[in-house]
Amino acid sequence: MAKVNFMLQNNKGYLLLEAMFGVLLISSMLSVCLPFIYISYQEQRTSEQLLYAMTEADHVARTRNMSKLMLDEREWIDDGIEYQLLTRKGGTDEYETCISFRGSNQKEYKTCASSF
C-alpha cells in the first residue's frame, strides 16, 4: 500500500505519450465521423433546394392558372443553384410546370406541378 501511495504522489502530470494517444484517438474518431457529417449537410441543403423548387413550381402553376399565361420557359440562379422552369400543355386542358436543377449533392432533380 505504501508503494502505491508513493507512485501517486510522484505523478506530476500527463506524459507526452499519453497526450499523443489522446490526440490520436480524437483524430481517428473525427476521420470516421466527418464524412458522414458532410454527407448529412449536403443532403440537408439538397432537401431545402428541393422544397424551394416544389414551392416555386406550385406558385408558378397557380399564377398561370389565375392569369392564363401561355407556355413559359426560363432559368434563374438562386443561392448558387441554377433552376430551369418549363411549362407545357398536356393532352387535355392540363398544364404541367416543371423545375429541374442539380442539387448540392450533384444529383439531378425535377419537380412538377399541374394546373387546369
Protein backbone atom coordinates (compact mmCIF):
# COMPACT_ATOMS: atom_id res chain seq x y z
CA MET A 1 0.00 0.00 0.00
CA ALA A 2 2.85 2.35 0.76
CA LYS A 3 4.31 1.73 -2.70
CA VAL A 4 1.01 2.74 -4.39
CA ASN A 5 0.82 5.98 -2.37
CA PHE A 6 4.42 6.81 -3.31
CA MET A 7 3.63 6.29 -7.04
CA LEU A 8 0.56 8.52 -6.84
CA GLN A 9 2.42 11.29 -5.05
CA ASN A 10 5.29 11.21 -7.57
CA ASN A 11 2.94 11.61 -10.58
CA LYS A 12 3.27 15.25 -11.73
CA GLY A 13 1.01 15.21 -14.80
CA TYR A 14 0.45 13.54 -18.14
CA LEU A 15 3.23 12.00 -20.12
CA LEU A 16 3.79 13.10 -23.68
CA LEU A 17 2.89 9.60 -24.82
CA GLU A 18 -0.49 9.79 -23.08
CA ALA A 19 -1.24 13.18 -24.69
CA MET A 20 -0.27 11.85 -28.12
CA PHE A 21 -2.54 8.85 -27.57
CA GLY A 22 -5.43 11.19 -26.73
CA VAL A 23 -4.83 13.26 -29.88
CA LEU A 24 -4.63 10.06 -31.94
CA LEU A 25 -7.91 8.81 -30.50
CA ILE A 26 -9.75 12.09 -31.15
CA SER A 27 -8.36 12.45 -34.69
CA SER A 28 -9.31 8.88 -35.61
CA MET A 29 -12.86 9.46 -34.34
CA LEU A 30 -13.09 12.67 -36.37
CA SER A 31 -11.77 10.98 -39.51
CA VAL A 32 -14.59 8.45 -39.26
CA CYS A 33 -17.35 10.96 -38.38
CA LEU A 34 -16.58 13.95 -40.63
CA PRO A 35 -17.53 12.30 -43.96
CA PHE A 36 -20.94 11.38 -42.55
CA ILE A 37 -21.43 14.89 -41.19
CA TYR A 38 -20.53 16.34 -44.61
CA ILE A 39 -22.93 14.00 -46.43
CA SER A 40 -25.71 14.88 -43.98
CA TYR A 41 -25.06 18.58 -44.58
CA GLN A 42 -25.20 18.14 -48.36
CA GLU A 43 -28.45 16.15 -48.13
CA GLN A 44 -29.97 18.81 -45.88
CA ARG A 45 -29.08 21.56 -48.38
CA THR A 46 -30.48 19.47 -51.25
CA SER A 47 -33.72 18.94 -49.32
CA GLU A 48 -34.02 22.70 -48.84
CA GLN A 49 -33.39 23.25 -52.56
CA LEU A 50 -35.98 20.64 -53.50
CA LEU A 51 -38.53 22.26 -51.18
CA TYR A 52 -37.78 25.64 -52.78
CA ALA A 53 -38.24 24.15 -56.29
CA MET A 54 -41.51 22.49 -55.30
CA THR A 55 -42.80 25.75 -53.81
CA GLU A 56 -41.80 27.70 -56.94
CA ALA A 57 -43.40 25.13 -59.27
CA ASP A 58 -46.64 25.27 -57.27
CA HIS A 59 -46.56 29.07 -57.22
CA VAL A 60 -45.98 29.30 -60.99
CA ALA A 61 -48.75 26.74 -61.65
CA ARG A 62 -51.22 28.71 -59.51
CA THR A 63 -50.19 32.02 -61.08
CA ARG A 64 -50.50 30.53 -64.56
CA ASN A 65 -53.93 29.19 -63.65
CA MET A 66 -55.15 32.60 -62.45
CA SER A 67 -53.74 34.73 -65.25
CA LYS A 68 -53.95 32.16 -68.07
CA LEU A 69 -50.33 32.67 -69.08
CA MET A 70 -49.00 30.86 -72.12
CA LEU A 71 -46.19 28.36 -72.17
CA ASP A 72 -43.18 29.53 -70.24
CA GLU A 73 -39.51 28.63 -70.20
CA ARG A 74 -36.94 30.42 -68.09
CA GLU A 75 -33.82 29.95 -65.98
CA TRP A 76 -32.61 31.65 -62.83
CA ILE A 77 -29.91 31.23 -60.20
CA ASP A 78 -30.67 31.23 -56.50
CA ASP A 79 -28.03 30.56 -53.83
CA GLY A 80 -25.59 29.32 -56.47
CA ILE A 81 -28.00 26.73 -57.91
CA GLU A 82 -29.30 27.08 -61.47
CA TYR A 83 -33.01 26.33 -61.78
CA GLN A 84 -34.78 25.72 -65.12
CA LEU A 85 -38.52 26.14 -65.45
CA LEU A 86 -40.60 24.66 -68.24
CA THR A 87 -44.37 24.98 -68.57
CA ARG A 88 -46.06 22.84 -71.20
CA LYS A 89 -49.58 21.93 -72.15
CA GLY A 90 -50.63 18.34 -71.65
CA GLY A 91 -53.03 16.24 -73.72
CA THR A 92 -56.10 17.81 -72.11
CA ASP A 93 -56.53 21.30 -70.71
CA GLU A 94 -53.93 20.48 -68.09
CA TYR A 95 -50.69 22.45 -67.88
CA GLU A 96 -47.58 20.99 -66.29
CA THR A 97 -44.97 23.24 -64.71
CA CYS A 98 -41.61 21.53 -64.10
CA ILE A 99 -38.48 22.84 -62.42
CA SER A 100 -35.21 20.97 -62.77
CA PHE A 101 -31.90 21.62 -61.04
CA ARG A 102 -28.67 19.99 -59.91
CA GLY A 103 -28.62 19.74 -56.12
CA SER A 104 -25.73 20.30 -53.74
CA ASN A 105 -25.06 16.57 -53.81
CA GLN A 106 -24.53 16.78 -57.62
CA LYS A 107 -27.66 14.77 -58.47
CA GLU A 108 -30.26 15.95 -60.99
CA TYR A 109 -33.72 16.73 -59.62
CA LYS A 110 -37.00 17.54 -61.32
CA THR A 111 -40.26 18.50 -59.65
CA CYS A 112 -43.55 19.22 -61.40
CA ALA A 113 -46.94 20.76 -60.58
CA SER A 114 -50.12 20.52 -62.64
CA SER A 115 -52.92 23.00 -63.13
CA PHE A 116 -56.03 23.29 -65.26
